[in-house]
Amino acid sequence: MLKTKKFDVINYLKTEKDIEEYLEVALENGDYSFIPVALADIARARKAMTAAARAAGVTRTNLYQSLSEEGHPAFETIAKVANSLGYRLTLVPVSKPAAKRDSGKAAKQQKAKQKVV
């Protein structure tokens, strides 16, 4: 009989580059409920769960629970855990789609000016 081991991502988070790439994918995949889980994985990989809990102002057990797939941590908890792991949450503007052509009054006025010149 073939024996298998349960997959645990922390076995693959060996370097800072591994961790950064994992976090980047977690943030870009669009499943925002995965971000707390990813932070927990990073804390476990760095053996820093106790320090992260202390920074967040919660017990280690509570942090494990709130960063689990079933947990619903407060935004403040996520920010404090990220900070304790050396990351800062930053909001940046999303790229805007190219401006649509204005077919209204302004566009008609522009066309009229072009005819006069």
PDB file of N, CA and C in Angstrom:
ATOM      1  N   MET A   1       0.848  -1.182   0.000  1.00  0.00           N
ATOM      2  CA  MET A   1       0.000   0.000   0.000  1.00  0.00           C
ATOM      3  C   MET A   1       0.892   1.243   0.000  1.00  0.00           C
ATOM      4  N   LEU A   2       0.553   2.202  -0.818  1.00  0.00           N
ATOM      5  CA  LEU A   2       1.306   3.438  -0.954  1.00  0.00           C
ATOM      6  C   LEU A   2       0.984   4.364   0.211  1.00  0.00           C
ATOM      7  N   LYS A   3       2.026   4.846   0.880  1.00  0.00           N
ATOM      8  CA  LYS A   3       1.825   5.783   1.983  1.00  0.00           C
ATOM      9  C   LYS A   3       2.031   7.197   1.462  1.00  0.00           C
ATOM     10  N   THR A   4       1.136   8.065   1.843  1.00  0.00           N
ATOM     11  CA  THR A   4       1.247   9.461   1.433  1.00  0.00           C
ATOM     12  C   THR A   4       1.293  10.348   2.664  1.00  0.00           C
ATOM     13  N   LYS A   5       1.834  11.531   2.469  1.00  0.00           N
ATOM     14  CA  LYS A   5       1.874  12.516   3.541  1.00  0.00           C
ATOM     15  C   LYS A   5       0.915  13.647   3.195  1.00  0.00           C
ATOM     16  N   LYS A   6       0.349  14.239   4.199  1.00  0.00           N
ATOM     17  CA  LYS A   6      -0.514  15.385   3.982  1.00  0.00           C
ATOM     18  C   LYS A   6       0.347  16.551   3.488  1.00  0.00           C
ATOM     19  N   PHE A   7      -0.133  17.240   2.459  1.00  0.00           N
ATOM     20  CA  PHE A   7       0.589  18.381   1.906  1.00  0.00           C
ATOM     21  C   PHE A   7       0.556  19.537   2.889  1.00  0.00           C
ATOM     22  N   ASP A   8       1.699  20.148   3.118  1.00  0.00           N
ATOM     23  CA  ASP A   8       1.787  21.340   3.951  1.00  0.00           C
ATOM     24  C   ASP A   8       2.704  22.323   3.243  1.00  0.00           C
ATOM     25  N   VAL A   9       2.155  23.456   2.867  1.00  0.00           N
ATOM     26  CA  VAL A   9       2.900  24.437   2.080  1.00  0.00           C
ATOM     27  C   VAL A   9       4.153  24.928   2.793  1.00  0.00           C
ATOM     28  N   ILE A  10       4.168  24.900   4.117  1.00  0.00           N
ATOM     29  CA  ILE A  10       5.350  25.432   4.803  1.00  0.00           C
ATOM     30  C   ILE A  10       6.606  24.629   4.492  1.00  0.00           C
ATOM     31  N   ASN A  11       6.440  23.412   4.026  1.00  0.00           N
ATOM     32  CA  ASN A  11       7.607  22.627   3.618  1.00  0.00           C
ATOM     33  C   ASN A  11       8.261  23.198   2.363  1.00  0.00           C
ATOM     34  N   TYR A  12       7.566  24.092   1.678  1.00  0.00           N
ATOM     35  CA  TYR A  12       8.072  24.690   0.442  1.00  0.00           C
ATOM     36  C   TYR A  12       8.395  26.176   0.595  1.00  0.00           C
ATOM     37  N   LEU A  13       8.190  26.712   1.767  1.00  0.00           N
ATOM     38  CA  LEU A  13       8.497  28.120   2.028  1.00  0.00           C
ATOM     39  C   LEU A  13       9.830  28.203   2.768  1.00  0.00           C
ATOM     40  N   LYS A  14      10.886  27.898   2.057  1.00  0.00           N
ATOM     41  CA  LYS A  14      12.217  27.801   2.669  1.00  0.00           C
ATOM     42  C   LYS A  14      12.992  29.110   2.629  1.00  0.00           C
ATOM     43  N   THR A  15      12.813  29.896   1.576  1.00  0.00           N
ATOM     44  CA  THR A  15      13.583  31.135   1.423  1.00  0.00           C
ATOM     45  C   THR A  15      12.643  32.335   1.417  1.00  0.00           C
ATOM     46  N   GLU A  16      13.222  33.519   1.582  1.00  0.00           N
ATOM     47  CA  GLU A  16      12.409  34.738   1.519  1.00  0.00           C
ATOM     48  C   GLU A  16      11.783  34.893   0.135  1.00  0.00           C
ATOM     49  N   LYS A  17      12.492  34.472  -0.898  1.00  0.00           N
ATOM     50  CA  LYS A  17      11.940  34.542  -2.256  1.00  0.00           C
ATOM     51  C   LYS A  17      10.714  33.638  -2.369  1.00  0.00           C
ATOM     52  N   ASP A  18      10.791  32.431  -1.803  1.00  0.00           N
ATOM     53  CA  ASP A  18       9.637  31.517  -1.804  1.00  0.00           C
ATOM     54  C   ASP A  18       8.439  32.180  -1.127  1.00  0.00           C
ATOM     55  N   ILE A  19       8.702  32.803   0.010  1.00  0.00           N
ATOM     56  CA  ILE A  19       7.644  33.441   0.796  1.00  0.00           C
ATOM     57  C   ILE A  19       7.050  34.617   0.033  1.00  0.00           C
ATOM     58  N   GLU A  20       7.898  35.445  -0.563  1.00  0.00           N
ATOM     59  CA  GLU A  20       7.406  36.599  -1.316  1.00  0.00           C
ATOM     60  C   GLU A  20       6.552  36.170  -2.505  1.00  0.00           C
ATOM     61  N   GLU A  21       6.982  35.138  -3.212  1.00  0.00           N
ATOM     62  CA  GLU A  21       6.207  34.653  -4.360  1.00  0.00           C
ATOM     63  C   GLU A  21       4.866  34.075  -3.911  1.00  0.00           C
ATOM     64  N   TYR A  22       4.871  33.361  -2.800  1.00  0.00           N
ATOM     65  CA  TYR A  22       3.640  32.786  -2.256  1.00  0.00           C
ATOM     66  C   TYR A  22       2.667  33.900  -1.875  1.00  0.00           C
ATOM     67  N   LEU A  23       3.170  34.918  -1.206  1.00  0.00           N
ATOM     68  CA  LEU A  23       2.327  36.032  -0.788  1.00  0.00           C
ATOM     69  C   LEU A  23       1.799  36.798  -2.001  1.00  0.00           C
ATOM     70  N   GLU A  24       2.621  36.963  -3.004  1.00  0.00           N
ATOM     71  CA  GLU A  24       2.197  37.650  -4.226  1.00  0.00           C
ATOM     72  C   GLU A  24       1.038  36.909  -4.896  1.00  0.00           C
ATOM     73  N   VAL A  25       1.153  35.600  -4.997  1.00  0.00           N
ATOM     74  CA  VAL A  25       0.077  34.798  -5.596  1.00  0.00           C
ATOM     75  C   VAL A  25      -1.186  34.888  -4.738  1.00  0.00           C
ATOM     76  N   ALA A  26      -1.014  34.848  -3.428  1.00  0.00           N
ATOM     77  CA  ALA A  26      -2.167  34.933  -2.525  1.00  0.00           C
ATOM     78  C   ALA A  26      -2.913  36.249  -2.712  1.00  0.00           C
ATOM     79  N   LEU A  27      -2.175  37.322  -2.942  1.00  0.00           N
ATOM     80  CA  LEU A  27      -2.803  38.630  -3.105  1.00  0.00           C
ATOM     81  C   LEU A  27      -3.411  38.822  -4.490  1.00  0.00           C
ATOM     82  N   GLU A  28      -2.850  38.189  -5.487  1.00  0.00           N
ATOM     83  CA  GLU A  28      -3.304  38.402  -6.857  1.00  0.00           C
ATOM     84  C   GLU A  28      -4.408  37.457  -7.312  1.00  0.00           C
ATOM     85  N   ASN A  29      -4.645  36.385  -6.576  1.00  0.00           N
ATOM     86  CA  ASN A  29      -5.595  35.389  -7.089  1.00  0.00           C
ATOM     87  C   ASN A  29      -7.060  35.804  -6.951  1.00  0.00           C
ATOM     88  N   GLY A  30      -7.341  36.869  -6.228  1.00  0.00           N
ATOM     89  CA  GLY A  30      -8.706  37.364  -6.112  1.00  0.00           C
ATOM     90  C   GLY A  30      -9.522  36.736  -4.999  1.00  0.00           C
ATOM     91  N   ASP A  31      -9.002  35.702  -4.357  1.00  0.00           N
ATOM     92  CA  ASP A  31      -9.699  35.065  -3.238  1.00  0.00           C
ATOM     93  C   ASP A  31      -9.164  35.681  -1.948  1.00  0.00           C
ATOM     94  N   TYR A  32      -9.786  36.777  -1.528  1.00  0.00           N
ATOM     95  CA  TYR A  32      -9.264  37.526  -0.392  1.00  0.00           C
ATOM     96  C   TYR A  32      -9.363  36.779   0.925  1.00  0.00           C
ATOM     97  N   SER A  33     -10.195  35.764   0.992  1.00  0.00           N
ATOM     98  CA  SER A  33     -10.278  34.967   2.218  1.00  0.00           C
ATOM     99  C   SER A  33      -9.020  34.125   2.407  1.00  0.00           C
ATOM    100  N   PHE A  34      -8.214  34.002   1.362  1.00  0.00           N
ATOM    101  CA  PHE A  34      -6.984  33.214   1.452  1.00  0.00           C
ATOM    102  C   PHE A  34      -5.833  34.007   2.071  1.00  0.00           C
ATOM    103  N   ILE A  35      -5.910  35.325   2.088  1.00  0.00           N
ATOM    104  CA  ILE A  35      -4.812  36.147   2.604  1.00  0.00           C
ATOM    105  C   ILE A  35      -4.494  35.824   4.062  1.00  0.00           C
ATOM    106  N   PRO A  36      -5.479  35.738   4.968  1.00  0.00           N
ATOM    107  CA  PRO A  36      -5.139  35.373   6.347  1.00  0.00           C
ATOM    108  C   PRO A  36      -4.484  33.994   6.446  1.00  0.00           C
ATOM    109  N   VAL A  37      -4.941  33.057   5.635  1.00  0.00           N
ATOM    110  CA  VAL A  37      -4.358  31.707   5.633  1.00  0.00           C
ATOM    111  C   VAL A  37      -2.900  31.779   5.186  1.00  0.00           C
ATOM    112  N   ALA A  38      -2.638  32.575   4.158  1.00  0.00           N
ATOM    113  CA  ALA A  38      -1.264  32.730   3.667  1.00  0.00           C
ATOM    114  C   ALA A  38      -0.372  33.351   4.737  1.00  0.00           C
ATOM    115  N   LEU A  39      -0.883  34.348   5.453  1.00  0.00           N
ATOM    116  CA  LEU A  39      -0.099  34.959   6.535  1.00  0.00           C
ATOM    117  C   LEU A  39       0.203  33.940   7.630  1.00  0.00           C
ATOM    118  N   ALA A  40      -0.774  33.097   7.946  1.00  0.00           N
ATOM    119  CA  ALA A  40      -0.546  32.045   8.944  1.00  0.00           C
ATOM    120  C   ALA A  40       0.514  31.072   8.458  1.00  0.00           C
ATOM    121  N   ASP A  41       0.455  30.696   7.189  1.00  0.00           N
ATOM    122  CA  ASP A  41       1.463  29.788   6.627  1.00  0.00           C
ATOM    123  C   ASP A  41       2.861  30.397   6.723  1.00  0.00           C
ATOM    124  N   ILE A  42       2.959  31.685   6.415  1.00  0.00           N
ATOM    125  CA  ILE A  42       4.257  32.360   6.478  1.00  0.00           C
ATOM    126  C   ILE A  42       4.757  32.412   7.918  1.00  0.00           C
ATOM    127  N   ALA A  43       3.870  32.732   8.846  1.00  0.00           N
ATOM    128  CA  ALA A  43       4.265  32.767  10.261  1.00  0.00           C
ATOM    129  C   ALA A  43       4.721  31.388  10.730  1.00  0.00           C
ATOM    130  N   ARG A  44       4.010  30.350  10.310  1.00  0.00           N
ATOM    131  CA  ARG A  44       4.418  28.991  10.693  1.00  0.00           C
ATOM    132  C   ARG A  44       5.750  28.619  10.060  1.00  0.00           C
ATOM    133  N   ALA A  45       5.948  28.989   8.792  1.00  0.00           N
ATOM    134  CA  ALA A  45       7.203  28.664   8.105  1.00  0.00           C
ATOM    135  C   ALA A  45       8.387  29.348   8.777  1.00  0.00           C
ATOM    136  N   ARG A  46       8.159  30.548   9.283  1.00  0.00           N
ATOM    137  CA  ARG A  46       9.227  31.295   9.965  1.00  0.00           C
ATOM    138  C   ARG A  46       9.303  30.965  11.452  1.00  0.00           C
ATOM    139  N   LYS A  47       8.412  30.093  11.903  1.00  0.00           N
ATOM    140  CA  LYS A  47       8.304  29.767  13.327  1.00  0.00           C
ATOM    141  C   LYS A  47       8.106  31.052  14.150  1.00  0.00           C
ATOM    142  N   ALA A  48       7.167  31.872  13.669  1.00  0.00           N
ATOM    143  CA  ALA A  48       6.936  33.182  14.269  1.00  0.00           C
ATOM    144  C   ALA A  48       5.488  33.394  14.695  1.00  0.00           C
ATOM    145  N   MET A  49       4.742  32.326  14.899  1.00  0.00           N
ATOM    146  CA  MET A  49       3.332  32.470  15.243  1.00  0.00           C
ATOM    147  C   MET A  49       3.154  33.139  16.608  1.00  0.00           C
ATOM    148  N   THR A  50       3.991  32.804  17.562  1.00  0.00           N
ATOM    149  CA  THR A  50       3.874  33.409  18.896  1.00  0.00           C
ATOM    150  C   THR A  50       4.128  34.908  18.825  1.00  0.00           C
ATOM    151  N   ALA A  51       5.159  35.320  18.100  1.00  0.00           N
ATOM    152  CA  ALA A  51       5.464  36.747  17.955  1.00  0.00           C
ATOM    153  C   ALA A  51       4.345  37.468  17.210  1.00  0.00           C
ATOM    154  N   ALA A  52       3.786  36.824  16.194  1.00  0.00           N
ATOM    155  CA  ALA A  52       2.684  37.420  15.434  1.00  0.00           C
ATOM    156  C   ALA A  52       1.458  37.593  16.329  1.00  0.00           C
ATOM    157  N   ALA A  53       1.179  36.604  17.164  1.00  0.00           N
ATOM    158  CA  ALA A  53       0.043  36.691  18.087  1.00  0.00           C
ATOM    159  C   ALA A  53       0.251  37.830  19.078  1.00  0.00           C
ATOM    160  N   ARG A  54       1.455  37.931  19.584  1.00  0.00           N
ATOM    161  CA  ARG A  54       1.772  39.003  20.530  1.00  0.00           C
ATOM    162  C   ARG A  54       1.568  40.365  19.860  1.00  0.00           C
ATOM    163  N   ALA A  55       2.050  40.517  18.635  1.00  0.00           N
ATOM    164  CA  ALA A  55       1.909  41.784  17.903  1.00  0.00           C
ATOM    165  C   ALA A  55       0.446  42.114  17.634  1.00  0.00           C
ATOM    166  N   ALA A  56      -0.363  41.094  17.392  1.00  0.00           N
ATOM    167  CA  ALA A  56      -1.790  41.295  17.110  1.00  0.00           C
ATOM    168  C   ALA A  56      -2.609  41.473  18.380  1.00  0.00           C
ATOM    169  N   GLY A  57      -2.004  41.200  19.525  1.00  0.00           N
ATOM    170  CA  GLY A  57      -2.707  41.360  20.789  1.00  0.00           C
ATOM    171  C   GLY A  57      -3.700  40.255  21.086  1.00  0.00           C
ATOM    172  N   VAL A  58      -3.424  39.063  20.564  1.00  0.00           N
ATOM    173  CA  VAL A  58      -4.298  37.913  20.813  1.00  0.00           C
ATOM    174  C   VAL A  58      -3.444  36.733  21.249  1.00  0.00           C
ATOM    175  N   THR A  59      -4.107  35.690  21.733  1.00  0.00           N
ATOM    176  CA  THR A  59      -3.355  34.491  22.105  1.00  0.00           C
ATOM    177  C   THR A  59      -2.958  33.735  20.841  1.00  0.00           C
ATOM    178  N   ARG A  60      -1.977  32.900  20.992  1.00  0.00           N
ATOM    179  CA  ARG A  60      -1.502  32.096  19.865  1.00  0.00           C
ATOM    180  C   ARG A  60      -2.632  31.212  19.322  1.00  0.00           C
ATOM    181  N   THR A  61      -3.385  30.609  20.228  1.00  0.00           N
ATOM    182  CA  THR A  61      -4.508  29.754  19.834  1.00  0.00           C
ATOM    183  C   THR A  61      -5.559  30.548  19.066  1.00  0.00           C
ATOM    184  N   ASN A  62      -5.892  31.740  19.578  1.00  0.00           N
ATOM    185  CA  ASN A  62      -6.876  32.578  18.887  1.00  0.00           C
ATOM    186  C   ASN A  62      -6.386  33.000  17.510  1.00  0.00           C
ATOM    187  N   LEU A  63      -5.085  33.249  17.397  1.00  0.00           N
ATOM    188  CA  LEU A  63      -4.549  33.641  16.098  1.00  0.00           C
ATOM    189  C   LEU A  63      -4.634  32.486  15.109  1.00  0.00           C
ATOM    190  N   TYR A  64      -4.287  31.288  15.557  1.00  0.00           N
ATOM    191  CA  TYR A  64      -4.435  30.114  14.685  1.00  0.00           C
ATOM    192  C   TYR A  64      -5.876  29.995  14.197  1.00  0.00           C
ATOM    193  N   GLN A  65      -6.826  30.197  15.107  1.00  0.00           N
ATOM    194  CA  GLN A  65      -8.239  30.071  14.744  1.00  0.00           C
ATOM    195  C   GLN A  65      -8.674  31.163  13.778  1.00  0.00           C
ATOM    196  N   SER A  66      -8.290  32.409  14.059  1.00  0.00           N
ATOM    197  CA  SER A  66      -8.762  33.502  13.205  1.00  0.00           C
ATOM    198  C   SER A  66      -8.099  33.511  11.833  1.00  0.00           C
ATOM    199  N   LEU A  67      -6.874  32.961  11.719  1.00  0.00           N
ATOM    200  CA  LEU A  67      -6.197  32.916  10.424  1.00  0.00           C
ATOM    201  C   LEU A  67      -6.444  31.610   9.674  1.00  0.00           C
ATOM    202  N   SER A  68      -7.326  30.780  10.209  1.00  0.00           N
ATOM    203  CA  SER A  68      -7.647  29.517   9.532  1.00  0.00           C
ATOM    204  C   SER A  68      -8.646  29.774   8.405  1.00  0.00           C
ATOM    205  N   GLU A  69      -8.926  28.754   7.621  1.00  0.00           N
ATOM    206  CA  GLU A  69      -9.888  28.887   6.526  1.00  0.00           C
ATOM    207  C   GLU A  69     -11.287  29.220   7.034  1.00  0.00           C
ATOM    208  N   GLU A  70     -11.599  28.829   8.257  1.00  0.00           N
ATOM    209  CA  GLU A  70     -12.916  29.107   8.834  1.00  0.00           C
ATOM    210  C   GLU A  70     -12.933  30.414   9.609  1.00  0.00           C
ATOM    211  N   GLY A  71     -11.785  31.009   9.840  1.00  0.00           N
ATOM    212  CA  GLY A  71     -11.688  32.222  10.645  1.00  0.00           C
ATOM    213  C   GLY A  71     -12.103  33.466   9.881  1.00  0.00           C
ATOM    214  N   HIS A  72     -12.425  34.483  10.623  1.00  0.00           N
ATOM    215  CA  HIS A  72     -12.800  35.776  10.050  1.00  0.00           C
ATOM    216  C   HIS A  72     -12.090  36.870  10.850  1.00  0.00           C
ATOM    217  N   PRO A  73     -10.779  37.019  10.628  1.00  0.00           N
ATOM    218  CA  PRO A  73     -10.034  37.987  11.433  1.00  0.00           C
ATOM    219  C   PRO A  73     -10.410  39.426  11.083  1.00  0.00           C
ATOM    220  N   ALA A  74     -10.282  40.287  12.071  1.00  0.00           N
ATOM    221  CA  ALA A  74     -10.496  41.712  11.836  1.00  0.00           C
ATOM    222  C   ALA A  74      -9.375  42.237  10.946  1.00  0.00           C
ATOM    223  N   PHE A  75      -9.669  43.287  10.210  1.00  0.00           N
ATOM    224  CA  PHE A  75      -8.656  43.894   9.346  1.00  0.00           C
ATOM    225  C   PHE A  75      -7.438  44.304  10.169  1.00  0.00           C
ATOM    226  N   GLU A  76      -7.684  44.831  11.356  1.00  0.00           N
ATOM    227  CA  GLU A  76      -6.591  45.247  12.240  1.00  0.00           C
ATOM    228  C   GLU A  76      -5.678  44.063  12.570  1.00  0.00           C
ATOM    229  N   THR A  77      -6.250  42.903  12.805  1.00  0.00           N
ATOM    230  CA  THR A  77      -5.453  41.708  13.095  1.00  0.00           C
ATOM    231  C   THR A  77      -4.583  41.347  11.898  1.00  0.00           C
ATOM    232  N   ILE A  78      -5.159  41.373  10.709  1.00  0.00           N
ATOM    233  CA  ILE A  78      -4.393  41.060   9.502  1.00  0.00           C
ATOM    234  C   ILE A  78      -3.243  42.045   9.340  1.00  0.00           C
ATOM    235  N   ALA A  79      -3.524  43.339   9.535  1.00  0.00           N
ATOM    236  CA  ALA A  79      -2.490  44.364   9.390  1.00  0.00           C
ATOM    237  C   ALA A  79      -1.372  44.169  10.409  1.00  0.00           C
ATOM    238  N   LYS A  80      -1.724  43.861  11.649  1.00  0.00           N
ATOM    239  CA  LYS A  80      -0.707  43.677  12.692  1.00  0.00           C
ATOM    240  C   LYS A  80       0.128  42.428  12.450  1.00  0.00           C
ATOM    241  N   VAL A  81      -0.502  41.361  12.004  1.00  0.00           N
ATOM    242  CA  VAL A  81       0.242  40.130  11.701  1.00  0.00           C
ATOM    243  C   VAL A  81       1.185  40.382  10.529  1.00  0.00           C
ATOM    244  N   ALA A  82       0.681  41.019   9.485  1.00  0.00           N
ATOM    245  CA  ALA A  82       1.530  41.332   8.324  1.00  0.00           C
ATOM    246  C   ALA A  82       2.726  42.165   8.758  1.00  0.00           C
ATOM    247  N   ASN A  83       2.487  43.157   9.593  1.00  0.00           N
ATOM    248  CA  ASN A  83       3.568  44.013  10.078  1.00  0.00           C
ATOM    249  C   ASN A  83       4.581  43.224  10.889  1.00  0.00           C
ATOM    250  N   SER A  84       4.110  42.310  11.719  1.00  0.00           N
ATOM    251  CA  SER A  84       5.027  41.510  12.538  1.00  0.00           C
ATOM    252  C   SER A  84       5.893  40.594  11.680  1.00  0.00           C
ATOM    253  N   LEU A  85       5.412  40.291  10.465  1.00  0.00           N
ATOM    254  CA  LEU A  85       6.164  39.439   9.540  1.00  0.00           C
ATOM    255  C   LEU A  85       7.040  40.262   8.596  1.00  0.00           C
ATOM    256  N   GLY A  86       7.016  41.587   8.791  1.00  0.00           N
ATOM    257  CA  GLY A  86       7.864  42.456   7.980  1.00  0.00           C
ATOM    258  C   GLY A  86       7.197  43.005   6.737  1.00  0.00           C
ATOM    259  N   TYR A  87       5.863  42.984   6.712  1.00  0.00           N
ATOM    260  CA  TYR A  87       5.126  43.494   5.556  1.00  0.00           C
ATOM    261  C   TYR A  87       4.208  44.625   5.984  1.00  0.00           C
ATOM    262  N   ARG A  88       3.899  45.500   5.044  1.00  0.00           N
ATOM    263  CA  ARG A  88       2.999  46.618   5.291  1.00  0.00           C
ATOM    264  C   ARG A  88       1.881  46.527   4.263  1.00  0.00           C
ATOM    265  N   LEU A  89       0.669  46.726   4.706  1.00  0.00           N
ATOM    266  CA  LEU A  89      -0.464  46.733   3.779  1.00  0.00           C
ATOM    267  C   LEU A  89      -0.528  48.103   3.119  1.00  0.00           C
ATOM    268  N   THR A  90      -0.587  48.104   1.813  1.00  0.00           N
ATOM    269  CA  THR A  90      -0.617  49.342   1.049  1.00  0.00           C
ATOM    270  C   THR A  90      -1.705  49.253  -0.007  1.00  0.00           C
ATOM    271  N   LEU A  91      -2.467  50.315  -0.133  1.00  0.00           N
ATOM    272  CA  LEU A  91      -3.487  50.374  -1.174  1.00  0.00           C
ATOM    273  C   LEU A  91      -2.938  51.203  -2.327  1.00  0.00           C
ATOM    274  N   VAL A  92      -3.073  50.677  -3.517  1.00  0.00           N
ATOM    275  CA  VAL A  92      -2.620  51.392  -4.709  1.00  0.00           C
ATOM    276  C   VAL A  92      -3.779  51.456  -5.696  1.00  0.00           C
ATOM    277  N   PRO A  93      -3.812  52.501  -6.510  1.00  0.00           N
ATOM    278  CA  PRO A  93      -4.902  52.590  -7.478  1.00  0.00           C
ATOM    279  C   PRO A  93      -4.826  51.459  -8.494  1.00  0.00           C
ATOM    280  N   VAL A  94      -5.982  50.970  -8.868  1.00  0.00           N
ATOM    281  CA  VAL A  94      -6.019  49.975  -9.937  1.00  0.00           C
ATOM    282  C   VAL A  94      -5.880  50.730 -11.248  1.00  0.00           C
ATOM    283  N   SER A  95      -5.340  50.077 -12.241  1.00  0.00           N
ATOM    284  CA  SER A  95      -5.187  50.760 -13.526  1.00  0.00           C
ATOM    285  C   SER A  95      -6.564  50.991 -14.128  1.00  0.00           C
ATOM    286  N   LYS A  96      -6.738  52.173 -14.666  1.00  0.00           N
ATOM    287  CA  LYS A  96      -8.033  52.535 -15.241  1.00  0.00           C
ATOM    288  C   LYS A  96      -8.067  52.122 -16.702  1.00  0.00           C
ATOM    289  N   PRO A  97      -9.226  51.678 -17.171  1.00  0.00           N
ATOM    290  CA  PRO A  97      -9.332  51.352 -18.599  1.00  0.00           C
ATOM    291  C   PRO A  97      -9.205  52.633 -19.418  1.00  0.00           C
ATOM    292  N   ALA A  98      -8.819  52.504 -20.642  1.00  0.00           N
ATOM    293  CA  ALA A  98      -8.693  53.666 -21.525  1.00  0.00           C
ATOM    294  C   ALA A  98     -10.018  54.420 -21.558  1.00  0.00           C
ATOM    295  N   ALA A  99      -9.920  55.734 -21.564  1.00  0.00           N
ATOM    296  CA  ALA A  99     -11.127  56.568 -21.545  1.00  0.00           C
ATOM    297  C   ALA A  99     -11.976  56.297 -22.785  1.00  0.00           C
ATOM    298  N   LYS A 100     -13.247  56.163 -22.559  1.00  0.00           N
ATOM    299  CA  LYS A 100     -14.166  55.936 -23.676  1.00  0.00           C
ATOM    300  C   LYS A 100     -14.362  57.253 -24.422  1.00  0.00           C
ATOM    301  N   ARG A 101     -14.602  57.154 -25.691  1.00  0.00           N
ATOM    302  CA  ARG A 101     -14.853  58.351 -26.483  1.00  0.00           C
ATOM    303  C   ARG A 101     -16.154  58.978 -26.023  1.00  0.00           C
ATOM    304  N   ASP A 102     -16.104  60.278 -25.870  1.00  0.00           N
ATOM    305  CA  ASP A 102     -17.285  61.018 -25.438  1.00  0.00           C
ATOM    306  C   ASP A 102     -18.155  61.316 -26.652  1.00  0.00           C
ATOM    307  N   SER A 103     -19.303  60.719 -26.697  1.00  0.00           N
ATOM    308  CA  SER A 103     -20.203  60.940 -27.836  1.00  0.00           C
ATOM    309  C   SER A 103     -21.255  61.993 -27.509  1.00  0.00           C
ATOM    310  N   GLY A 104     -21.091  62.643 -26.371  1.00  0.00           N
ATOM    311  CA  GLY A 104     -22.072  63.626 -25.942  1.00  0.00           C
ATOM    312  C   GLY A 104     -21.785  65.023 -26.456  1.00  0.00           C
ATOM    313  N   LYS A 105     -22.233  66.012 -25.696  1.00  0.00           N
ATOM    314  CA  LYS A 105     -22.147  67.421 -26.071  1.00  0.00           C
ATOM    315  C   LYS A 105     -20.705  67.866 -26.302  1.00  0.00           C
ATOM    316  N   ALA A 106     -19.777  67.456 -25.428  1.00  0.00           N
ATOM    317  CA  ALA A 106     -18.376  67.874 -25.559  1.00  0.00           C
ATOM    318  C   ALA A 106     -17.778  67.388 -26.874  1.00  0.00           C
ATOM    319  N   ALA A 107     -18.099  66.182 -27.281  1.00  0.00           N
ATOM    320  CA  ALA A 107     -17.575  65.643 -28.540  1.00  0.00           C
ATOM    321  C   ALA A 107     -18.132  66.419 -29.726  1.00  0.00           C
ATOM    322  N   LYS A 108     -19.398  66.790 -29.679  1.00  0.00           N
ATOM    323  CA  LYS A 108     -20.013  67.555 -30.761  1.00  0.00           C
ATOM    324  C   LYS A 108     -19.397  68.946 -30.856  1.00  0.00           C
ATOM    325  N   GLN A 109     -19.121  69.557 -29.691  1.00  0.00           N
ATOM    326  CA  GLN A 109     -18.492  70.871 -29.687  1.00  0.00           C
ATOM    327  C   GLN A 109     -17.089  70.796 -30.284  1.00  0.00           C
ATOM    328  N   GLN A 110     -16.361  69.759 -29.960  1.00  0.00           N
ATOM    329  CA  GLN A 110     -15.014  69.575 -30.491  1.00  0.00           C
ATOM    330  C   GLN A 110     -15.061  69.431 -32.010  1.00  0.00           C
ATOM    331  N   LYS A 111     -16.001  68.676 -32.527  1.00  0.00           N
ATOM    332  CA  LYS A 111     -16.145  68.501 -33.978  1.00  0.00           C
ATOM    333  C   LYS A 111     -16.494  69.831 -34.647  1.00  0.00           C
ATOM    334  N   ALA A 112     -17.361  70.614 -34.004  1.00  0.00           N
ATOM    335  CA  ALA A 112     -17.753  71.910 -34.559  1.00  0.00           C
ATOM    336  C   ALA A 112     -16.552  72.839 -34.638  1.00  0.00           C
ATOM    337  N   LYS A 113     -15.691  72.827 -33.625  1.00  0.00           N
ATOM    338  CA  LYS A 113     -14.487  73.663 -33.626  1.00  0.00           C
ATOM    339  C   LYS A 113     -13.564  73.255 -34.760  1.00  0.00           C
ATOM    340  N   GLN A 114     -13.456  71.974 -35.011  1.00  0.00           N
ATOM    341  CA  GLN A 114     -12.573  71.491 -36.064  1.00  0.00           C
ATOM    342  C   GLN A 114     -13.063  71.951 -37.434  1.00  0.00           C
ATOM    343  N   LYS A 115     -14.366  72.043 -37.633  1.00  0.00           N
ATOM    344  CA  LYS A 115     -14.923  72.479 -38.920  1.00  0.00           C
ATOM    345  C   LYS A 115     -14.653  73.961 -39.162  1.00  0.00           C
ATOM    346  N   VAL A 116     -14.666  74.765 -38.089  1.00  0.00           N
ATOM    347  CA  VAL A 116     -14.463  76.203 -38.196  1.00  0.00           C
ATOM    348  C   VAL A 116     -13.028  76.511 -38.589  1.00  0.00           C
ATOM    349  N   VAL A 117     -12.078  75.785 -38.095  1.00  0.00           N
ATOM    350  CA  VAL A 117     -10.663  76.065 -38.334  1.00  0.00           C
ATOM    351  C   VAL A 117     -10.221  75.716 -39.693  1.00  0.00           C
TER     352      VAL A 117
END
